[in-house]
Amino acid sequence: MRKFKVGDLVTGTLEAPYVKTDRYSICKIISIKEDFYDDREDLYDDIMVQIVHHKEHKEYTGEEYAVSSCYFRLYREPNNFRRYMYVPSR
């Protein structure tokens, strides 16, 4: 069973080796590479995320990265979080 789905909000774990998509970031999953998925913890960049909020660096908001899902967990959002979320203009 897959850990995440497109549109989920996630945050980095303490073990995450990333600088921008770390435990201080909240990211939205924008795509999943299905061919990388299996039941083991994959070390490949199997998800593409967009930073929607960063506690320490607001300038990271909107940036997108390919990362490994094994370094992320679902984000439990407070009731008022969505009004502060970055919405890209398309």
N, C-alpha and C. Protein backbone atom coordinates (compact mmCIF):
# COMPACT_ATOMS: atom_id res chain seq x y z
N MET A 1 0.84 -1.19 0.00
CA MET A 1 0.00 0.00 0.00
C MET A 1 0.88 1.25 0.00
N ARG A 2 0.48 2.23 -0.78
CA ARG A 2 1.25 3.45 -0.90
C ARG A 2 1.12 4.31 0.35
N LYS A 3 2.19 4.97 0.71
CA LYS A 3 2.25 5.80 1.92
C LYS A 3 1.52 7.13 1.75
N PHE A 4 1.61 7.74 0.56
CA PHE A 4 1.03 9.05 0.29
C PHE A 4 0.24 9.04 -1.01
N LYS A 5 -0.55 10.12 -1.18
CA LYS A 5 -1.23 10.33 -2.45
C LYS A 5 -1.01 11.78 -2.88
N VAL A 6 -1.22 12.07 -4.15
CA VAL A 6 -1.06 13.43 -4.66
C VAL A 6 -2.02 14.35 -3.89
N GLY A 7 -1.52 15.49 -3.47
CA GLY A 7 -2.30 16.46 -2.71
C GLY A 7 -2.09 16.40 -1.21
N ASP A 8 -1.50 15.31 -0.72
CA ASP A 8 -1.22 15.20 0.72
C ASP A 8 -0.23 16.27 1.15
N LEU A 9 -0.40 16.75 2.37
CA LEU A 9 0.58 17.64 2.99
C LEU A 9 1.52 16.79 3.82
N VAL A 10 2.82 17.00 3.64
CA VAL A 10 3.84 16.22 4.34
C VAL A 10 4.88 17.15 4.94
N THR A 11 5.64 16.61 5.87
CA THR A 11 6.76 17.35 6.45
C THR A 11 7.94 16.39 6.59
N GLY A 12 9.14 16.93 6.56
CA GLY A 12 10.33 16.10 6.66
C GLY A 12 10.49 15.51 8.06
N THR A 13 11.15 14.36 8.13
CA THR A 13 11.44 13.73 9.41
C THR A 13 12.78 14.24 9.94
N LEU A 14 13.10 13.88 11.16
CA LEU A 14 14.39 14.28 11.74
C LEU A 14 15.55 13.73 10.95
N GLU A 15 15.37 12.57 10.30
CA GLU A 15 16.45 11.92 9.55
C GLU A 15 16.61 12.46 8.14
N ALA A 16 15.72 13.34 7.71
CA ALA A 16 15.76 13.84 6.33
C ALA A 16 17.08 14.53 6.03
N PRO A 17 17.74 14.14 4.92
CA PRO A 17 19.03 14.73 4.57
C PRO A 17 18.89 16.04 3.78
N TYR A 18 17.68 16.53 3.65
CA TYR A 18 17.44 17.70 2.81
C TYR A 18 17.54 19.00 3.62
N VAL A 19 17.95 20.07 2.94
CA VAL A 19 18.09 21.37 3.59
C VAL A 19 16.78 22.15 3.55
N LYS A 20 16.11 22.17 2.41
CA LYS A 20 14.90 22.98 2.26
C LYS A 20 13.63 22.21 2.60
N THR A 21 13.58 20.94 2.31
CA THR A 21 12.39 20.14 2.61
C THR A 21 12.63 19.33 3.87
N ASP A 22 12.92 20.04 4.94
CA ASP A 22 13.27 19.42 6.22
C ASP A 22 12.07 19.43 7.17
N ARG A 23 12.31 19.21 8.44
CA ARG A 23 11.21 19.15 9.42
C ARG A 23 10.54 20.50 9.66
N TYR A 24 11.14 21.57 9.18
CA TYR A 24 10.55 22.90 9.33
C TYR A 24 9.69 23.29 8.13
N SER A 25 9.57 22.40 7.15
CA SER A 25 8.79 22.69 5.96
C SER A 25 7.48 21.92 5.96
N ILE A 26 6.52 22.49 5.27
CA ILE A 26 5.28 21.79 4.97
C ILE A 26 5.20 21.77 3.45
N CYS A 27 5.07 20.58 2.91
CA CYS A 27 5.09 20.41 1.46
C CYS A 27 3.84 19.70 0.99
N LYS A 28 3.43 20.02 -0.24
CA LYS A 28 2.31 19.34 -0.86
C LYS A 28 2.86 18.40 -1.93
N ILE A 29 2.40 17.16 -1.93
CA ILE A 29 2.84 16.21 -2.95
C ILE A 29 2.14 16.56 -4.25
N ILE A 30 2.94 16.82 -5.30
CA ILE A 30 2.36 17.19 -6.59
C ILE A 30 2.45 16.06 -7.60
N SER A 31 3.32 15.07 -7.38
CA SER A 31 3.33 13.88 -8.24
C SER A 31 4.07 12.75 -7.53
N ILE A 32 3.75 11.54 -7.98
CA ILE A 32 4.38 10.33 -7.44
C ILE A 32 4.86 9.49 -8.60
N LYS A 33 6.11 9.04 -8.54
CA LYS A 33 6.64 8.15 -9.57
C LYS A 33 6.24 6.73 -9.20
N GLU A 34 5.22 6.23 -9.84
CA GLU A 34 4.68 4.91 -9.52
C GLU A 34 5.70 3.80 -9.73
N ASP A 35 6.56 3.94 -10.73
CA ASP A 35 7.50 2.86 -11.04
C ASP A 35 8.57 2.67 -9.96
N PHE A 36 8.75 3.66 -9.08
CA PHE A 36 9.72 3.52 -8.00
C PHE A 36 9.13 2.87 -6.76
N TYR A 37 7.81 2.78 -6.71
CA TYR A 37 7.18 2.32 -5.48
C TYR A 37 7.18 0.80 -5.33
N ASP A 38 7.53 0.35 -4.17
CA ASP A 38 7.30 -1.03 -3.76
C ASP A 38 7.16 -1.02 -2.24
N ASP A 39 7.15 -2.16 -1.60
CA ASP A 39 6.89 -2.22 -0.16
C ASP A 39 8.09 -1.91 0.72
N ARG A 40 9.24 -1.75 0.16
CA ARG A 40 10.41 -1.42 0.98
C ARG A 40 10.55 0.10 1.08
N GLU A 41 11.37 0.57 1.99
CA GLU A 41 11.64 2.01 2.07
C GLU A 41 12.57 2.35 0.92
N ASP A 42 12.06 3.10 -0.02
CA ASP A 42 12.80 3.39 -1.23
C ASP A 42 13.74 4.57 -1.03
N LEU A 43 14.93 4.47 -1.55
CA LEU A 43 15.90 5.55 -1.41
C LEU A 43 15.94 6.44 -2.65
N TYR A 44 15.06 6.17 -3.61
CA TYR A 44 15.00 6.98 -4.82
C TYR A 44 14.15 8.22 -4.59
N ASP A 45 14.29 9.18 -5.49
CA ASP A 45 13.44 10.37 -5.46
C ASP A 45 12.10 9.99 -6.06
N ASP A 46 11.20 9.47 -5.24
CA ASP A 46 9.95 8.91 -5.76
C ASP A 46 8.76 9.85 -5.67
N ILE A 47 8.91 11.01 -5.03
CA ILE A 47 7.81 11.98 -5.00
C ILE A 47 8.33 13.37 -5.36
N MET A 48 7.45 14.16 -5.95
CA MET A 48 7.75 15.57 -6.24
C MET A 48 6.89 16.38 -5.30
N VAL A 49 7.54 17.29 -4.56
CA VAL A 49 6.83 18.12 -3.59
C VAL A 49 7.02 19.59 -3.89
N GLN A 50 6.04 20.38 -3.44
CA GLN A 50 6.14 21.83 -3.51
C GLN A 50 6.05 22.36 -2.09
N ILE A 51 6.99 23.21 -1.72
CA ILE A 51 6.98 23.79 -0.38
C ILE A 51 5.86 24.82 -0.30
N VAL A 52 4.94 24.60 0.65
CA VAL A 52 3.83 25.54 0.84
C VAL A 52 4.04 26.43 2.06
N HIS A 53 4.95 26.03 2.93
CA HIS A 53 5.27 26.84 4.11
C HIS A 53 6.61 26.37 4.67
N HIS A 54 7.42 27.30 5.14
CA HIS A 54 8.68 26.95 5.81
C HIS A 54 8.82 27.84 7.03
N LYS A 55 9.01 27.23 8.17
CA LYS A 55 9.06 27.97 9.44
C LYS A 55 10.22 28.95 9.50
N GLU A 56 11.37 28.58 8.95
CA GLU A 56 12.57 29.42 9.08
C GLU A 56 12.89 30.25 7.84
N HIS A 57 12.47 29.81 6.66
CA HIS A 57 12.84 30.48 5.41
C HIS A 57 11.61 30.64 4.52
N LYS A 58 10.91 31.74 4.66
CA LYS A 58 9.70 32.00 3.86
C LYS A 58 10.02 32.03 2.37
N GLU A 59 11.24 32.38 2.01
CA GLU A 59 11.61 32.48 0.59
C GLU A 59 11.61 31.13 -0.13
N TYR A 60 11.59 30.03 0.60
CA TYR A 60 11.54 28.70 -0.02
C TYR A 60 10.14 28.37 -0.54
N THR A 61 9.13 29.10 -0.09
CA THR A 61 7.75 28.82 -0.47
C THR A 61 7.57 28.83 -1.98
N GLY A 62 6.94 27.78 -2.49
CA GLY A 62 6.68 27.65 -3.93
C GLY A 62 7.71 26.81 -4.68
N GLU A 63 8.86 26.56 -4.07
CA GLU A 63 9.89 25.77 -4.74
C GLU A 63 9.47 24.29 -4.78
N GLU A 64 9.90 23.59 -5.83
CA GLU A 64 9.55 22.19 -6.03
C GLU A 64 10.80 21.32 -6.07
N TYR A 65 10.69 20.12 -5.48
CA TYR A 65 11.83 19.21 -5.41
C TYR A 65 11.39 17.76 -5.55
N ALA A 66 12.25 16.96 -6.17
CA ALA A 66 12.07 15.51 -6.20
C ALA A 66 12.80 14.97 -4.96
N VAL A 67 12.08 14.21 -4.14
CA VAL A 67 12.64 13.72 -2.88
C VAL A 67 12.20 12.28 -2.64
N SER A 68 12.79 11.66 -1.64
CA SER A 68 12.43 10.29 -1.27
C SER A 68 11.36 10.31 -0.19
N SER A 69 10.28 9.57 -0.43
CA SER A 69 9.16 9.56 0.51
C SER A 69 9.51 8.97 1.87
N CYS A 70 10.59 8.18 1.94
CA CYS A 70 10.93 7.56 3.23
C CYS A 70 11.39 8.59 4.26
N TYR A 71 11.67 9.82 3.84
CA TYR A 71 12.09 10.88 4.76
C TYR A 71 10.96 11.85 5.10
N PHE A 72 9.70 11.45 4.82
CA PHE A 72 8.56 12.32 5.06
C PHE A 72 7.46 11.59 5.80
N ARG A 73 6.62 12.39 6.48
CA ARG A 73 5.44 11.86 7.16
C ARG A 73 4.29 12.81 6.86
N LEU A 74 3.07 12.33 7.03
CA LEU A 74 1.91 13.19 6.82
C LEU A 74 1.94 14.34 7.82
N TYR A 75 1.56 15.50 7.35
CA TYR A 75 1.50 16.68 8.21
C TYR A 75 0.10 16.77 8.80
N ARG A 76 0.02 16.95 10.10
CA ARG A 76 -1.28 17.14 10.76
C ARG A 76 -1.49 18.64 10.90
N GLU A 77 -2.37 19.17 10.08
CA GLU A 77 -2.53 20.61 10.03
C GLU A 77 -3.51 21.14 11.07
N PRO A 78 -3.19 22.31 11.63
CA PRO A 78 -4.15 22.97 12.53
C PRO A 78 -5.33 23.47 11.69
N ASN A 79 -6.44 23.78 12.32
CA ASN A 79 -7.66 24.17 11.61
C ASN A 79 -7.50 25.40 10.72
N ASN A 80 -6.65 26.33 11.09
CA ASN A 80 -6.53 27.58 10.32
C ASN A 80 -5.35 27.60 9.36
N PHE A 81 -4.69 26.47 9.12
CA PHE A 81 -3.48 26.49 8.29
C PHE A 81 -3.76 26.86 6.84
N ARG A 82 -4.82 26.36 6.24
CA ARG A 82 -5.07 26.54 4.81
C ARG A 82 -5.13 28.00 4.39
N ARG A 83 -5.55 28.89 5.25
CA ARG A 83 -5.62 30.29 4.84
C ARG A 83 -4.24 30.92 4.67
N TYR A 84 -3.20 30.29 5.22
CA TYR A 84 -1.84 30.79 5.05
C TYR A 84 -1.07 30.05 3.97
N MET A 85 -1.69 29.06 3.36
CA MET A 85 -0.99 28.21 2.40
C MET A 85 -0.75 28.94 1.09
N TYR A 86 0.40 28.69 0.53
CA TYR A 86 0.79 29.26 -0.76
C TYR A 86 -0.07 28.66 -1.86
N VAL A 87 -0.64 29.51 -2.69
CA VAL A 87 -1.41 29.05 -3.84
C VAL A 87 -0.76 29.66 -5.08
N PRO A 88 -0.13 28.81 -5.91
CA PRO A 88 0.57 29.34 -7.09
C PRO A 88 -0.42 29.87 -8.11
N SER A 89 -0.05 30.91 -8.83
CA SER A 89 -0.90 31.41 -9.90
C SER A 89 -0.56 30.66 -11.17
N ARG A 90 -1.55 30.15 -11.83
CA ARG A 90 -1.32 29.36 -13.05
C ARG A 90 -2.09 29.95 -14.19
